[in-house]
Each structure stands twice: as structure tokens, then as C-alpha cells.
Amino acid sequence: MKSVTLGQQTELTSVKGAGAELLGSTFMAGALAIVFWMCLKITPNLWMFFLWMLIFSVFIVSRLYGVVASRYPPTYWQNVMVTLLIFIGPAVADSANGKDPATAFAVRFGLFIFVALYAWVAMLFLEYLRQRQYQKNHARRLKHA
């Protein structure tokens, strides 16, 4: 879903910025997920999960709504929150099923980065093709005028 937002950009500079924001928010969510999981290892129970989720949510949402100043836009923090939830939820399920959550996280994180890079490169390529077609049409019009 986050990659689709890249396709909604109207110009090359916004595609570059949106791609960088998407990658940055994915890395930030990954880092926060690792810290969250380490904190949860201290006392792994439902109340601590609730407490840590509350603390991390307040940290992110305070930046999302501008309560705490941030150099990143609200969409960045929204992506961080969604991605954090996507990383933490399956990690809890993996540990409950007896799987190694660290390995599963590494695979998920790698896939997220791959999809973000793929979407970013695809949008840059499509923007390049669009610009090239526009220049051909513009040159053709000038030639016939």
C-alpha cells in the first residue's frame, strides 16, 4: 500500500522525495521494532506489551500531530507507525508458534526494503519514460508549427 503512494506523485522531485521518505520510514520502523522487541523481552506478558505499545505509539503520534517538533512530515510518522505494527504483530505470533522472531523479522524487513526500492526505481523509470515522450511530442509540435 505504501508503494502505491509513490504512483500518485505528479512530478519527479516528489517521486524522489516520496521514495526517500518511504525508505526512511521503513528503516525507522525496523529500528523501533527491534527496540520494542528488546523492551518486551524484559517482561514478556500482555500488560507489558500494552505498556510498550502505548509508549511507542505516544512517541510516534506526538511527532505525527506536531506536539513534538520533527523534521519529518506527518506522512513519514504515519508510515513508521503502520510499519511498526506490521513488524511487531507477526513477531508476537512467530514467538507464540515457536518460530524464531529475529529471523522472521529479518526476512520481513528485507522484503519491505526490496519492495520500497522496487517501487521507487519503477516510478523513476516511468517518470523518465513520460518525460521522454513529452519531449518527443513537444519537438514534433515545434517541427510542424
C-alpha atoms as a PDB file:
ATOM      1  CA  MET A   1       0.000   0.000   0.000  1.00  0.00           C
ATOM      2  CA  LYS A   2       2.813   2.384   0.800  1.00  0.00           C
ATOM      3  CA  SER A   3       4.375   1.758  -2.581  1.00  0.00           C
ATOM      4  CA  VAL A   4       1.144   2.776  -4.272  1.00  0.00           C
ATOM      5  CA  THR A   5       1.511   6.262  -2.832  1.00  0.00           C
ATOM      6  CA  LEU A   6       4.626   6.665  -4.944  1.00  0.00           C
ATOM      7  CA  GLY A   7       2.485   6.213  -8.048  1.00  0.00           C
ATOM      8  CA  GLN A   8       0.298   9.123  -7.013  1.00  0.00           C
ATOM      9  CA  GLN A   9       3.140  11.634  -7.208  1.00  0.00           C
ATOM     10  CA  THR A  10       2.854  14.138 -10.026  1.00  0.00           C
ATOM     11  CA  GLU A  11       6.448  15.112 -10.699  1.00  0.00           C
ATOM     12  CA  LEU A  12       9.945  13.713 -10.484  1.00  0.00           C
ATOM     13  CA  THR A  13      11.003  15.720  -7.428  1.00  0.00           C
ATOM     14  CA  SER A  14       8.015  14.485  -5.428  1.00  0.00           C
ATOM     15  CA  VAL A  15       8.705  10.897  -6.549  1.00  0.00           C
ATOM     16  CA  LYS A  16      12.284  11.192  -5.289  1.00  0.00           C
ATOM     17  CA  GLY A  17      11.127  12.693  -2.005  1.00  0.00           C
ATOM     18  CA  ALA A  18       8.363  10.150  -1.506  1.00  0.00           C
ATOM     19  CA  GLY A  19      10.754   7.287  -2.209  1.00  0.00           C
ATOM     20  CA  ALA A  20      13.289   8.589   0.270  1.00  0.00           C
ATOM     21  CA  GLU A  21      10.517   9.074   2.834  1.00  0.00           C
ATOM     22  CA  LEU A  22       9.271   5.529   2.262  1.00  0.00           C
ATOM     23  CA  LEU A  23      12.730   4.023   2.734  1.00  0.00           C
ATOM     24  CA  GLY A  24      13.491   6.216   5.734  1.00  0.00           C
ATOM     25  CA  SER A  25      10.234   5.377   7.462  1.00  0.00           C
ATOM     26  CA  THR A  26      10.813   1.662   6.848  1.00  0.00           C
ATOM     27  CA  PHE A  27      14.278   1.835   8.409  1.00  0.00           C
ATOM     28  CA  MET A  28      12.940   3.850  11.359  1.00  0.00           C
ATOM     29  CA  ALA A  29      10.118   1.355  11.900  1.00  0.00           C
ATOM     30  CA  GLY A  30      12.606  -1.501  11.763  1.00  0.00           C
ATOM     31  CA  ALA A  31      14.818   0.158  14.358  1.00  0.00           C
ATOM     32  CA  LEU A  32      11.829   0.870  16.608  1.00  0.00           C
ATOM     33  CA  ALA A  33      10.602  -2.715  16.186  1.00  0.00           C
ATOM     34  CA  ILE A  34      13.968  -4.031  17.347  1.00  0.00           C
ATOM     35  CA  VAL A  35      13.939  -1.725  20.389  1.00  0.00           C
ATOM     36  CA  PHE A  36      10.296  -2.666  21.078  1.00  0.00           C
ATOM     37  CA  TRP A  37      11.143  -6.361  20.959  1.00  0.00           C
ATOM     38  CA  MET A  38      14.149  -5.887  23.272  1.00  0.00           C
ATOM     39  CA  CYS A  39      11.956  -3.996  25.740  1.00  0.00           C
ATOM     40  CA  LEU A  40       9.332  -6.723  25.548  1.00  0.00           C
ATOM     41  CA  LYS A  41      11.951  -9.359  26.357  1.00  0.00           C
ATOM     42  CA  ILE A  42      12.402  -7.780  29.799  1.00  0.00           C
ATOM     43  CA  THR A  43       8.967  -8.942  30.930  1.00  0.00           C
ATOM     44  CA  PRO A  44       7.094 -10.762  28.183  1.00  0.00           C
ATOM     45  CA  ASN A  45       3.447 -10.548  29.139  1.00  0.00           C
ATOM     46  CA  LEU A  46       0.327  -8.925  27.775  1.00  0.00           C
ATOM     47  CA  TRP A  47       0.436  -5.953  30.153  1.00  0.00           C
ATOM     48  CA  MET A  48       3.992  -5.105  29.173  1.00  0.00           C
ATOM     49  CA  PHE A  49       3.071  -5.462  25.505  1.00  0.00           C
ATOM     50  CA  PHE A  50       0.255  -2.982  26.106  1.00  0.00           C
ATOM     51  CA  LEU A  51       2.573  -0.628  28.005  1.00  0.00           C
ATOM     52  CA  TRP A  52       5.318  -0.697  25.378  1.00  0.00           C
ATOM     53  CA  MET A  53       2.807  -0.276  22.561  1.00  0.00           C
ATOM     54  CA  LEU A  54       1.354   2.721  24.382  1.00  0.00           C
ATOM     55  CA  ILE A  55       4.782   4.288  24.916  1.00  0.00           C
ATOM     56  CA  PHE A  56       5.889   3.745  21.317  1.00  0.00           C
ATOM     57  CA  SER A  57       2.545   4.975  19.991  1.00  0.00           C
ATOM     58  CA  VAL A  58       2.761   8.165  22.056  1.00  0.00           C
ATOM     59  CA  PHE A  59       6.319   8.684  20.822  1.00  0.00           C
ATOM     60  CA  ILE A  60       5.271   8.355  17.170  1.00  0.00           C
ATOM     61  CA  VAL A  61       1.868  10.056  17.351  1.00  0.00           C
ATOM     62  CA  SER A  62       3.311  13.067  19.174  1.00  0.00           C
ATOM     63  CA  ARG A  63       5.501  13.646  16.136  1.00  0.00           C
ATOM     64  CA  LEU A  64       2.679  12.832  13.740  1.00  0.00           C
ATOM     65  CA  TYR A  65       0.487  15.594  15.195  1.00  0.00           C
ATOM     66  CA  GLY A  66       3.333  18.032  15.771  1.00  0.00           C
ATOM     67  CA  VAL A  67       3.241  18.011  19.562  1.00  0.00           C
ATOM     68  CA  VAL A  68       6.960  17.269  19.426  1.00  0.00           C
ATOM     69  CA  ALA A  69       8.832  19.044  16.630  1.00  0.00           C
ATOM     70  CA  SER A  70      10.184  16.821  13.899  1.00  0.00           C
ATOM     71  CA  ARG A  71      11.957  17.489  10.648  1.00  0.00           C
ATOM     72  CA  TYR A  72       9.903  14.739   9.004  1.00  0.00           C
ATOM     73  CA  PRO A  73       6.374  15.267   7.657  1.00  0.00           C
ATOM     74  CA  PRO A  74       3.331  13.598   9.226  1.00  0.00           C
ATOM     75  CA  THR A  75       3.154  11.032   6.397  1.00  0.00           C
ATOM     76  CA  TYR A  76       6.587   9.784   7.446  1.00  0.00           C
ATOM     77  CA  TRP A  77       5.426   9.137  11.000  1.00  0.00           C
ATOM     78  CA  GLN A  78       2.204   7.561   9.773  1.00  0.00           C
ATOM     79  CA  ASN A  79       4.266   5.129   7.682  1.00  0.00           C
ATOM     80  CA  VAL A  80       6.509   4.440  10.688  1.00  0.00           C
ATOM     81  CA  MET A  81       3.511   3.560  12.866  1.00  0.00           C
ATOM     82  CA  VAL A  82       1.880   1.290  10.301  1.00  0.00           C
ATOM     83  CA  THR A  83       5.138  -0.485   9.508  1.00  0.00           C
ATOM     84  CA  LEU A  84       5.970  -0.898  13.196  1.00  0.00           C
ATOM     85  CA  LEU A  85       2.624  -2.609  13.745  1.00  0.00           C
ATOM     86  CA  ILE A  86       3.241  -4.826  10.722  1.00  0.00           C
ATOM     87  CA  PHE A  87       6.631  -5.847  12.129  1.00  0.00           C
ATOM     88  CA  ILE A  88       5.546  -6.383  15.752  1.00  0.00           C
ATOM     89  CA  GLY A  89       2.287  -8.273  15.186  1.00  0.00           C
ATOM     90  CA  PRO A  90       3.777 -11.189  13.251  1.00  0.00           C
ATOM     91  CA  ALA A  91       6.795 -11.275  15.589  1.00  0.00           C
ATOM     92  CA  VAL A  92       4.473 -11.957  18.513  1.00  0.00           C
ATOM     93  CA  ALA A  93       2.687 -14.636  16.509  1.00  0.00           C
ATOM     94  CA  ASP A  94       6.026 -16.175  15.484  1.00  0.00           C
ATOM     95  CA  SER A  95       7.206 -16.408  19.080  1.00  0.00           C
ATOM     96  CA  ALA A  96       3.878 -17.925  20.161  1.00  0.00           C
ATOM     97  CA  ASN A  97       4.219 -20.574  17.434  1.00  0.00           C
ATOM     98  CA  GLY A  98       7.786 -21.422  18.445  1.00  0.00           C
ATOM     99  CA  LYS A  99       9.450 -19.818  15.423  1.00  0.00           C
ATOM    100  CA  ASP A 100      12.465 -17.537  15.657  1.00  0.00           C
ATOM    101  CA  PRO A 101      11.098 -13.966  15.554  1.00  0.00           C
ATOM    102  CA  ALA A 102      14.509 -12.470  14.725  1.00  0.00           C
ATOM    103  CA  THR A 103      14.857 -14.496  11.532  1.00  0.00           C
ATOM    104  CA  ALA A 104      11.271 -13.787  10.523  1.00  0.00           C
ATOM    105  CA  PHE A 105      11.810 -10.076  11.197  1.00  0.00           C
ATOM    106  CA  ALA A 106      14.946 -10.054   9.058  1.00  0.00           C
ATOM    107  CA  VAL A 107      13.044 -11.644   6.178  1.00  0.00           C
ATOM    108  CA  ARG A 108      10.103  -9.235   6.534  1.00  0.00           C
ATOM    109  CA  PHE A 109      12.394  -6.231   6.820  1.00  0.00           C
ATOM    110  CA  GLY A 110      14.358  -7.305   3.755  1.00  0.00           C
ATOM    111  CA  LEU A 111      11.150  -7.748   1.784  1.00  0.00           C
ATOM    112  CA  PHE A 112       9.880  -4.320   2.838  1.00  0.00           C
ATOM    113  CA  ILE A 113      13.133  -2.686   1.757  1.00  0.00           C
ATOM    114  CA  PHE A 114      13.121  -4.604  -1.526  1.00  0.00           C
ATOM    115  CA  VAL A 115       9.531  -3.610  -2.326  1.00  0.00           C
ATOM    116  CA  ALA A 116      10.217   0.024  -1.422  1.00  0.00           C
ATOM    117  CA  LEU A 117      13.313   0.126  -3.628  1.00  0.00           C
ATOM    118  CA  TYR A 118      11.491  -1.639  -6.458  1.00  0.00           C
ATOM    119  CA  ALA A 119       8.579   0.795  -6.307  1.00  0.00           C
ATOM    120  CA  TRP A 120      10.917   3.773  -6.163  1.00  0.00           C
ATOM    121  CA  VAL A 121      13.001   2.622  -9.143  1.00  0.00           C
ATOM    122  CA  ALA A 122       9.882   1.710 -11.121  1.00  0.00           C
ATOM    123  CA  MET A 123       8.377   5.153 -10.550  1.00  0.00           C
ATOM    124  CA  LEU A 124      11.623   6.887 -11.515  1.00  0.00           C
ATOM    125  CA  PHE A 125      11.766   4.803 -14.699  1.00  0.00           C
ATOM    126  CA  LEU A 126       8.140   5.559 -15.556  1.00  0.00           C
ATOM    127  CA  GLU A 127       8.756   9.246 -14.932  1.00  0.00           C
ATOM    128  CA  TYR A 128      11.784   9.077 -17.237  1.00  0.00           C
ATOM    129  CA  LEU A 129       9.662   7.460 -19.963  1.00  0.00           C
ATOM    130  CA  ARG A 130       6.950  10.089 -19.503  1.00  0.00           C
ATOM    131  CA  GLN A 131       9.457  12.932 -19.786  1.00  0.00           C
ATOM    132  CA  ARG A 132      10.997  11.384 -22.883  1.00  0.00           C
ATOM    133  CA  GLN A 133       7.589  11.003 -24.532  1.00  0.00           C
ATOM    134  CA  TYR A 134       6.705  14.587 -23.619  1.00  0.00           C
ATOM    135  CA  GLN A 135       9.945  15.870 -25.170  1.00  0.00           C
ATOM    136  CA  LYS A 136       9.313  13.872 -28.373  1.00  0.00           C
ATOM    137  CA  ASN A 137       5.787  15.235 -28.675  1.00  0.00           C
ATOM    138  CA  HIS A 138       6.954  18.783 -27.933  1.00  0.00           C
ATOM    139  CA  ALA A 139       9.726  18.556 -30.542  1.00  0.00           C
ATOM    140  CA  ARG A 140       7.241  17.168 -33.075  1.00  0.00           C
ATOM    141  CA  ARG A 141       4.839  20.074 -32.446  1.00  0.00           C
ATOM    142  CA  LEU A 142       7.620  22.617 -32.850  1.00  0.00           C
ATOM    143  CA  LYS A 143       8.720  20.971 -36.075  1.00  0.00           C
ATOM    144  CA  HIS A 144       5.200  21.098 -37.547  1.00  0.00           C
ATOM    145  CA  ALA A 145       4.477  24.626 -36.333  1.00  0.00           C
END
